[in-house]
Amino acid sequence: MSTTETGHVTGTKDKDYNILWFTEACLDNALRLETFIQDAERDGDNELAEFFKKAQTDSRKGAEQGKRLLASRLSGN
C-alpha cells in the first residue's frame, strides 16, 4: 500500500478522486444494469429482472451518496 499522495498527477487529492471514481462507477453500473434488466425481461425471467432492479437501485443510492459527499467536501462543509 502506498502512503504517498499522488494527487499531483491528477491535480485532485486522492480521497476526492476516489469519491469521484466511486460516483461515476455507480452511475455507470446503473446504466449497464438497465440493459441486463431488459435482457431478463425479454427472456421472461422476472426473478433475474428483479435482482438486477434491486442492484440498480443500490447503485443509484451509492451515486447519490457520493454526489452529496463530494458536494459537501467541495463546498467546504
PDB file of N, CA and C in Angstrom:
ATOM      1  N   MET A   1       0.851  -1.178   0.000  1.00  0.00           N
ATOM      2  CA  MET A   1       0.000   0.000   0.000  1.00  0.00           C
ATOM      3  C   MET A   1       0.891   1.232   0.000  1.00  0.00           C
ATOM      4  N   SER A   2       0.602   2.170  -0.873  1.00  0.00           N
ATOM      5  CA  SER A   2       1.360   3.406  -0.966  1.00  0.00           C
ATOM      6  C   SER A   2       0.857   4.407   0.058  1.00  0.00           C
ATOM      7  N   THR A   3       1.777   5.110   0.691  1.00  0.00           N
ATOM      8  CA  THR A   3       1.399   6.139   1.658  1.00  0.00           C
ATOM      9  C   THR A   3       1.643   7.531   1.099  1.00  0.00           C
ATOM     10  N   THR A   4       1.987   7.596  -0.178  1.00  0.00           N
ATOM     11  CA  THR A   4       2.282   8.873  -0.820  1.00  0.00           C
ATOM     12  C   THR A   4       1.065   9.376  -1.572  1.00  0.00           C
ATOM     13  N   GLU A   5       0.695  10.618  -1.309  1.00  0.00           N
ATOM     14  CA  GLU A   5      -0.400  11.275  -2.034  1.00  0.00           C
ATOM     15  C   GLU A   5       0.025  11.427  -3.483  1.00  0.00           C
ATOM     16  N   THR A   6      -0.806  10.953  -4.402  1.00  0.00           N
ATOM     17  CA  THR A   6      -0.470  11.047  -5.829  1.00  0.00           C
ATOM     18  C   THR A   6      -1.342  12.067  -6.545  1.00  0.00           C
ATOM     19  N   GLY A   7      -2.026  12.909  -5.804  1.00  0.00           N
ATOM     20  CA  GLY A   7      -2.883  13.919  -6.413  1.00  0.00           C
ATOM     21  C   GLY A   7      -2.151  14.884  -7.314  1.00  0.00           C
ATOM     22  N   HIS A   8      -0.840  14.987  -7.138  1.00  0.00           N
ATOM     23  CA  HIS A   8      -0.075  15.877  -8.010  1.00  0.00           C
ATOM     24  C   HIS A   8      -0.138  15.422  -9.467  1.00  0.00           C
ATOM     25  N   VAL A   9      -0.408  14.153  -9.689  1.00  0.00           N
ATOM     26  CA  VAL A   9      -0.502  13.623 -11.052  1.00  0.00           C
ATOM     27  C   VAL A   9      -1.814  14.065 -11.696  1.00  0.00           C
ATOM     28  N   THR A  10      -2.918  13.971 -10.952  1.00  0.00           N
ATOM     29  CA  THR A  10      -4.241  14.301 -11.498  1.00  0.00           C
ATOM     30  C   THR A  10      -4.671  15.723 -11.202  1.00  0.00           C
ATOM     31  N   GLY A  11      -4.044  16.345 -10.233  1.00  0.00           N
ATOM     32  CA  GLY A  11      -4.476  17.674  -9.812  1.00  0.00           C
ATOM     33  C   GLY A  11      -5.634  17.610  -8.833  1.00  0.00           C
ATOM     34  N   THR A  12      -5.981  16.422  -8.393  1.00  0.00           N
ATOM     35  CA  THR A  12      -7.077  16.215  -7.447  1.00  0.00           C
ATOM     36  C   THR A  12      -6.576  15.304  -6.339  1.00  0.00           C
ATOM     37  N   LYS A  13      -6.827  15.688  -5.091  1.00  0.00           N
ATOM     38  CA  LYS A  13      -6.402  14.839  -3.979  1.00  0.00           C
ATOM     39  C   LYS A  13      -6.969  13.440  -4.156  1.00  0.00           C
ATOM     40  N   ASP A  14      -6.197  12.448  -3.755  1.00  0.00           N
ATOM     41  CA  ASP A  14      -6.613  11.054  -3.915  1.00  0.00           C
ATOM     42  C   ASP A  14      -7.988  10.798  -3.332  1.00  0.00           C
ATOM     43  N   LYS A  15      -8.248  11.258  -2.117  1.00  0.00           N
ATOM     44  CA  LYS A  15      -9.538  10.959  -1.481  1.00  0.00           C
ATOM     45  C   LYS A  15     -10.693  11.593  -2.259  1.00  0.00           C
ATOM     46  N   ASP A  16     -10.507  12.782  -2.813  1.00  0.00           N
ATOM     47  CA  ASP A  16     -11.557  13.402  -3.624  1.00  0.00           C
ATOM     48  C   ASP A  16     -11.718  12.657  -4.952  1.00  0.00           C
ATOM     49  N   TYR A  17     -10.598  12.266  -5.539  1.00  0.00           N
ATOM     50  CA  TYR A  17     -10.648  11.481  -6.776  1.00  0.00           C
ATOM     51  C   TYR A  17     -11.381  10.168  -6.527  1.00  0.00           C
ATOM     52  N   ASN A  18     -11.130   9.562  -5.394  1.00  0.00           N
ATOM     53  CA  ASN A  18     -11.778   8.290  -5.074  1.00  0.00           C
ATOM     54  C   ASN A  18     -13.296   8.450  -4.989  1.00  0.00           C
ATOM     55  N   ILE A  19     -13.757   9.561  -4.426  1.00  0.00           N
ATOM     56  CA  ILE A  19     -15.203   9.817  -4.372  1.00  0.00           C
ATOM     57  C   ILE A  19     -15.748  10.004  -5.784  1.00  0.00           C
ATOM     58  N   LEU A  20     -15.020  10.761  -6.600  1.00  0.00           N
ATOM     59  CA  LEU A  20     -15.435  10.951  -7.994  1.00  0.00           C
ATOM     60  C   LEU A  20     -15.514   9.617  -8.723  1.00  0.00           C
ATOM     61  N   TRP A  21     -14.488   8.785  -8.554  1.00  0.00           N
ATOM     62  CA  TRP A  21     -14.451   7.489  -9.234  1.00  0.00           C
ATOM     63  C   TRP A  21     -15.610   6.620  -8.777  1.00  0.00           C
ATOM     64  N   PHE A  22     -15.838   6.560  -7.468  1.00  0.00           N
ATOM     65  CA  PHE A  22     -16.912   5.735  -6.922  1.00  0.00           C
ATOM     66  C   PHE A  22     -18.264   6.167  -7.484  1.00  0.00           C
ATOM     67  N   THR A  23     -18.505   7.477  -7.504  1.00  0.00           N
ATOM     68  CA  THR A  23     -19.773   8.000  -8.001  1.00  0.00           C
ATOM     69  C   THR A  23     -19.963   7.652  -9.475  1.00  0.00           C
ATOM     70  N   GLU A  24     -18.918   7.841 -10.271  1.00  0.00           N
ATOM     71  CA  GLU A  24     -19.000   7.515 -11.699  1.00  0.00           C
ATOM     72  C   GLU A  24     -19.241   6.029 -11.893  1.00  0.00           C
ATOM     73  N   ALA A  25     -18.581   5.191 -11.098  1.00  0.00           N
ATOM     74  CA  ALA A  25     -18.752   3.742 -11.218  1.00  0.00           C
ATOM     75  C   ALA A  25     -20.187   3.339 -10.890  1.00  0.00           C
ATOM     76  N   CYS A  26     -20.769   3.958  -9.864  1.00  0.00           N
ATOM     77  CA  CYS A  26     -22.160   3.660  -9.513  1.00  0.00           C
ATOM     78  C   CYS A  26     -23.109   4.062 -10.638  1.00  0.00           C
ATOM     79  N   LEU A  27     -22.902   5.246 -11.209  1.00  0.00           N
ATOM     80  CA  LEU A  27     -23.749   5.702 -12.306  1.00  0.00           C
ATOM     81  C   LEU A  27     -23.599   4.803 -13.524  1.00  0.00           C
ATOM     82  N   ASP A  28     -22.364   4.423 -13.842  1.00  0.00           N
ATOM     83  CA  ASP A  28     -22.115   3.533 -14.970  1.00  0.00           C
ATOM     84  C   ASP A  28     -22.782   2.181 -14.735  1.00  0.00           C
ATOM     85  N   ASN A  29     -22.709   1.691 -13.521  1.00  0.00           N
ATOM     86  CA  ASN A  29     -23.327   0.414 -13.190  1.00  0.00           C
ATOM     87  C   ASN A  29     -24.846   0.487 -13.346  1.00  0.00           C
ATOM     88  N   ALA A  30     -25.448   1.595 -12.913  1.00  0.00           N
ATOM     89  CA  ALA A  30     -26.898   1.751 -13.059  1.00  0.00           C
ATOM     90  C   ALA A  30     -27.303   1.703 -14.531  1.00  0.00           C
ATOM     91  N   LEU A  31     -26.516   2.335 -15.381  1.00  0.00           N
ATOM     92  CA  LEU A  31     -26.799   2.303 -16.816  1.00  0.00           C
ATOM     93  C   LEU A  31     -26.651   0.894 -17.383  1.00  0.00           C
ATOM     94  N   ARG A  32     -25.588   0.216 -17.027  1.00  0.00           N
ATOM     95  CA  ARG A  32     -25.332  -1.140 -17.527  1.00  0.00           C
ATOM     96  C   ARG A  32     -26.431  -2.098 -17.063  1.00  0.00           C
ATOM     97  N   LEU A  33     -26.872  -1.937 -15.827  1.00  0.00           N
ATOM     98  CA  LEU A  33     -27.914  -2.809 -15.297  1.00  0.00           C
ATOM     99  C   LEU A  33     -29.230  -2.645 -16.040  1.00  0.00           C
ATOM    100  N   GLU A  34     -29.476  -1.480 -16.614  1.00  0.00           N
ATOM    101  CA  GLU A  34     -30.698  -1.280 -17.402  1.00  0.00           C
ATOM    102  C   GLU A  34     -30.740  -2.261 -18.567  1.00  0.00           C
ATOM    103  N   THR A  35     -29.596  -2.489 -19.195  1.00  0.00           N
ATOM    104  CA  THR A  35     -29.515  -3.470 -20.283  1.00  0.00           C
ATOM    105  C   THR A  35     -29.776  -4.874 -19.752  1.00  0.00           C
ATOM    106  N   PHE A  36     -29.212  -5.182 -18.599  1.00  0.00           N
ATOM    107  CA  PHE A  36     -29.406  -6.507 -18.005  1.00  0.00           C
ATOM    108  C   PHE A  36     -30.877  -6.734 -17.672  1.00  0.00           C
ATOM    109  N   ILE A  37     -31.530  -5.704 -17.157  1.00  0.00           N
ATOM    110  CA  ILE A  37     -32.961  -5.791 -16.815  1.00  0.00           C
ATOM    111  C   ILE A  37     -33.771  -6.073 -18.078  1.00  0.00           C
ATOM    112  N   GLN A  38     -33.490  -5.319 -19.127  1.00  0.00           N
ATOM    113  CA  GLN A  38     -34.216  -5.503 -20.386  1.00  0.00           C
ATOM    114  C   GLN A  38     -33.994  -6.896 -20.965  1.00  0.00           C
ATOM    115  N   ASP A  39     -32.767  -7.392 -20.874  1.00  0.00           N
ATOM    116  CA  ASP A  39     -32.473  -8.745 -21.359  1.00  0.00           C
ATOM    117  C   ASP A  39     -33.275  -9.785 -20.587  1.00  0.00           C
ATOM    118  N   ALA A  40     -33.290  -9.657 -19.267  1.00  0.00           N
ATOM    119  CA  ALA A  40     -34.020 -10.620 -18.429  1.00  0.00           C
ATOM    120  C   ALA A  40     -35.517 -10.549 -18.703  1.00  0.00           C
ATOM    121  N   GLU A  41     -36.051  -9.334 -18.835  1.00  0.00           N
ATOM    122  CA  GLU A  41     -37.485  -9.176 -19.107  1.00  0.00           C
ATOM    123  C   GLU A  41     -37.847  -9.742 -20.478  1.00  0.00           C
ATOM    124  N   ARG A  42     -36.998  -9.519 -21.457  1.00  0.00           N
ATOM    125  CA  ARG A  42     -37.248 -10.034 -22.801  1.00  0.00           C
ATOM    126  C   ARG A  42     -37.313 -11.564 -22.790  1.00  0.00           C
ATOM    127  N   ASP A  43     -36.503 -12.173 -21.924  1.00  0.00           N
ATOM    128  CA  ASP A  43     -36.495 -13.634 -21.829  1.00  0.00           C
ATOM    129  C   ASP A  43     -37.522 -14.163 -20.828  1.00  0.00           C
ATOM    130  N   GLY A  44     -38.317 -13.265 -20.236  1.00  0.00           N
ATOM    131  CA  GLY A  44     -39.357 -13.676 -19.303  1.00  0.00           C
ATOM    132  C   GLY A  44     -38.844 -14.134 -17.953  1.00  0.00           C
ATOM    133  N   ASP A  45     -37.623 -13.738 -17.605  1.00  0.00           N
ATOM    134  CA  ASP A  45     -37.035 -14.141 -16.327  1.00  0.00           C
ATOM    135  C   ASP A  45     -37.248 -13.023 -15.303  1.00  0.00           C
ATOM    136  N   ASN A  46     -38.427 -13.030 -14.685  1.00  0.00           N
ATOM    137  CA  ASN A  46     -38.785 -11.971 -13.736  1.00  0.00           C
ATOM    138  C   ASN A  46     -37.911 -11.978 -12.493  1.00  0.00           C
ATOM    139  N   GLU A  47     -37.500 -13.158 -12.049  1.00  0.00           N
ATOM    140  CA  GLU A  47     -36.634 -13.235 -10.871  1.00  0.00           C
ATOM    141  C   GLU A  47     -35.314 -12.504 -11.121  1.00  0.00           C
ATOM    142  N   LEU A  48     -34.720 -12.749 -12.281  1.00  0.00           N
ATOM    143  CA  LEU A  48     -33.462 -12.106 -12.624  1.00  0.00           C
ATOM    144  C   LEU A  48     -33.654 -10.606 -12.841  1.00  0.00           C
ATOM    145  N   ALA A  49     -34.749 -10.222 -13.488  1.00  0.00           N
ATOM    146  CA  ALA A  49     -35.028  -8.806 -13.699  1.00  0.00           C
ATOM    147  C   ALA A  49     -35.151  -8.084 -12.360  1.00  0.00           C
ATOM    148  N   GLU A  50     -35.837  -8.681 -11.404  1.00  0.00           N
ATOM    149  CA  GLU A  50     -35.983  -8.066 -10.078  1.00  0.00           C
ATOM    150  C   GLU A  50     -34.645  -7.973  -9.353  1.00  0.00           C
ATOM    151  N   PHE A  51     -33.840  -8.998  -9.507  1.00  0.00           N
ATOM    152  CA  PHE A  51     -32.495  -8.984  -8.920  1.00  0.00           C
ATOM    153  C   PHE A  51     -31.698  -7.794  -9.453  1.00  0.00           C
ATOM    154  N   PHE A  52     -31.714  -7.618 -10.776  1.00  0.00           N
ATOM    155  CA  PHE A  52     -30.977  -6.508 -11.381  1.00  0.00           C
ATOM    156  C   PHE A  52     -31.596  -5.155 -11.025  1.00  0.00           C
ATOM    157  N   LYS A  53     -32.908  -5.098 -10.885  1.00  0.00           N
ATOM    158  CA  LYS A  53     -33.557  -3.842 -10.478  1.00  0.00           C
ATOM    159  C   LYS A  53     -33.117  -3.429  -9.079  1.00  0.00           C
ATOM    160  N   LYS A  54     -33.011  -4.402  -8.175  1.00  0.00           N
ATOM    161  CA  LYS A  54     -32.538  -4.092  -6.825  1.00  0.00           C
ATOM    162  C   LYS A  54     -31.100  -3.592  -6.870  1.00  0.00           C
ATOM    163  N   ALA A  55     -30.274  -4.271  -7.657  1.00  0.00           N
ATOM    164  CA  ALA A  55     -28.881  -3.848  -7.793  1.00  0.00           C
ATOM    165  C   ALA A  55     -28.796  -2.442  -8.382  1.00  0.00           C
ATOM    166  N   GLN A  56     -29.679  -2.142  -9.339  1.00  0.00           N
ATOM    167  CA  GLN A  56     -29.697  -0.813  -9.946  1.00  0.00           C
ATOM    168  C   GLN A  56     -30.094   0.243  -8.917  1.00  0.00           C
ATOM    169  N   THR A  57     -31.075  -0.071  -8.089  1.00  0.00           N
ATOM    170  CA  THR A  57     -31.485   0.850  -7.024  1.00  0.00           C
ATOM    171  C   THR A  57     -30.321   1.108  -6.070  1.00  0.00           C
ATOM    172  N   ASP A  58     -29.601   0.058  -5.718  1.00  0.00           N
ATOM    173  CA  ASP A  58     -28.445   0.214  -4.830  1.00  0.00           C
ATOM    174  C   ASP A  58     -27.356   1.058  -5.491  1.00  0.00           C
ATOM    175  N   SER A  59     -27.149   0.877  -6.788  1.00  0.00           N
ATOM    176  CA  SER A  59     -26.147   1.679  -7.499  1.00  0.00           C
ATOM    177  C   SER A  59     -26.550   3.147  -7.538  1.00  0.00           C
ATOM    178  N   ARG A  60     -27.823   3.401  -7.775  1.00  0.00           N
ATOM    179  CA  ARG A  60     -28.301   4.790  -7.766  1.00  0.00           C
ATOM    180  C   ARG A  60     -28.115   5.412  -6.390  1.00  0.00           C
ATOM    181  N   LYS A  61     -28.409   4.631  -5.352  1.00  0.00           N
ATOM    182  CA  LYS A  61     -28.241   5.123  -3.980  1.00  0.00           C
ATOM    183  C   LYS A  61     -26.773   5.471  -3.718  1.00  0.00           C
ATOM    184  N   GLY A  62     -25.869   4.594  -4.127  1.00  0.00           N
ATOM    185  CA  GLY A  62     -24.442   4.869  -3.962  1.00  0.00           C
ATOM    186  C   GLY A  62     -24.018   6.125  -4.704  1.00  0.00           C
ATOM    187  N   ALA A  63     -24.534   6.310  -5.904  1.00  0.00           N
ATOM    188  CA  ALA A  63     -24.203   7.503  -6.689  1.00  0.00           C
ATOM    189  C   ALA A  63     -24.711   8.765  -5.997  1.00  0.00           C
ATOM    190  N   GLU A  64     -25.923   8.715  -5.480  1.00  0.00           N
ATOM    191  CA  GLU A  64     -26.476   9.885  -4.788  1.00  0.00           C
ATOM    192  C   GLU A  64     -25.675  10.203  -3.532  1.00  0.00           C
ATOM    193  N   GLN A  65     -25.282   9.174  -2.803  1.00  0.00           N
ATOM    194  CA  GLN A  65     -24.470   9.396  -1.600  1.00  0.00           C
ATOM    195  C   GLN A  65     -23.119   9.993  -1.976  1.00  0.00           C
ATOM    196  N   GLY A  66     -22.522   9.478  -3.036  1.00  0.00           N
ATOM    197  CA  GLY A  66     -21.245  10.009  -3.497  1.00  0.00           C
ATOM    198  C   GLY A  66     -21.358  11.456  -3.933  1.00  0.00           C
ATOM    199  N   LYS A  67     -22.428  11.788  -4.648  1.00  0.00           N
ATOM    200  CA  LYS A  67     -22.625  13.177  -5.093  1.00  0.00           C
ATOM    201  C   LYS A  67     -22.783  14.111  -3.905  1.00  0.00           C
ATOM    202  N   ARG A  68     -23.567  13.682  -2.914  1.00  0.00           N
ATOM    203  CA  ARG A  68     -23.762  14.527  -1.722  1.00  0.00           C
ATOM    204  C   ARG A  68     -22.452  14.727  -0.971  1.00  0.00           C
ATOM    205  N   LEU A  69     -21.707  13.651  -0.783  1.00  0.00           N
ATOM    206  CA  LEU A  69     -20.435  13.741  -0.065  1.00  0.00           C
ATOM    207  C   LEU A  69     -19.456  14.635  -0.805  1.00  0.00           C
ATOM    208  N   LEU A  70     -19.368  14.465  -2.100  1.00  0.00           N
ATOM    209  CA  LEU A  70     -18.466  15.289  -2.892  1.00  0.00           C
ATOM    210  C   LEU A  70     -18.871  16.755  -2.836  1.00  0.00           C
ATOM    211  N   ALA A  71     -20.167  17.029  -2.969  1.00  0.00           N
ATOM    212  CA  ALA A  71     -20.638  18.407  -2.921  1.00  0.00           C
ATOM    213  C   ALA A  71     -20.309  19.056  -1.582  1.00  0.00           C
ATOM    214  N   SER A  72     -20.514  18.334  -0.504  1.00  0.00           N
ATOM    215  CA  SER A  72     -20.230  18.923   0.816  1.00  0.00           C
ATOM    216  C   SER A  72     -18.741  19.174   0.993  1.00  0.00           C
ATOM    217  N   ARG A  73     -17.908  18.310   0.468  1.00  0.00           N
ATOM    218  CA  ARG A  73     -16.478  18.493   0.604  1.00  0.00           C
ATOM    219  C   ARG A  73     -15.958  19.623  -0.300  1.00  0.00           C
ATOM    220  N   LEU A  74     -16.540  19.752  -1.474  1.00  0.00           N
ATOM    221  CA  LEU A  74     -16.103  20.818  -2.381  1.00  0.00           C
ATOM    222  C   LEU A  74     -16.574  22.185  -1.906  1.00  0.00           C
ATOM    223  N   SER A  75     -17.697  22.208  -1.195  1.00  0.00           N
ATOM    224  CA  SER A  75     -18.183  23.496  -0.689  1.00  0.00           C
ATOM    225  C   SER A  75     -17.553  23.861   0.642  1.00  0.00           C
ATOM    226  N   GLY A  76     -16.758  22.945   1.191  1.00  0.00           N
ATOM    227  CA  GLY A  76     -16.053  23.236   2.433  1.00  0.00           C
ATOM    228  C   GLY A  76     -16.852  22.968   3.690  1.00  0.00           C
ATOM    229  N   ASN A  77     -17.986  22.270   3.589  1.00  0.00           N
ATOM    230  CA  ASN A  77     -18.796  21.967   4.774  1.00  0.00           C
ATOM    231  C   ASN A  77     -18.296  20.735   5.482  1.00  0.00           C
TER     232      ASN A  77
END
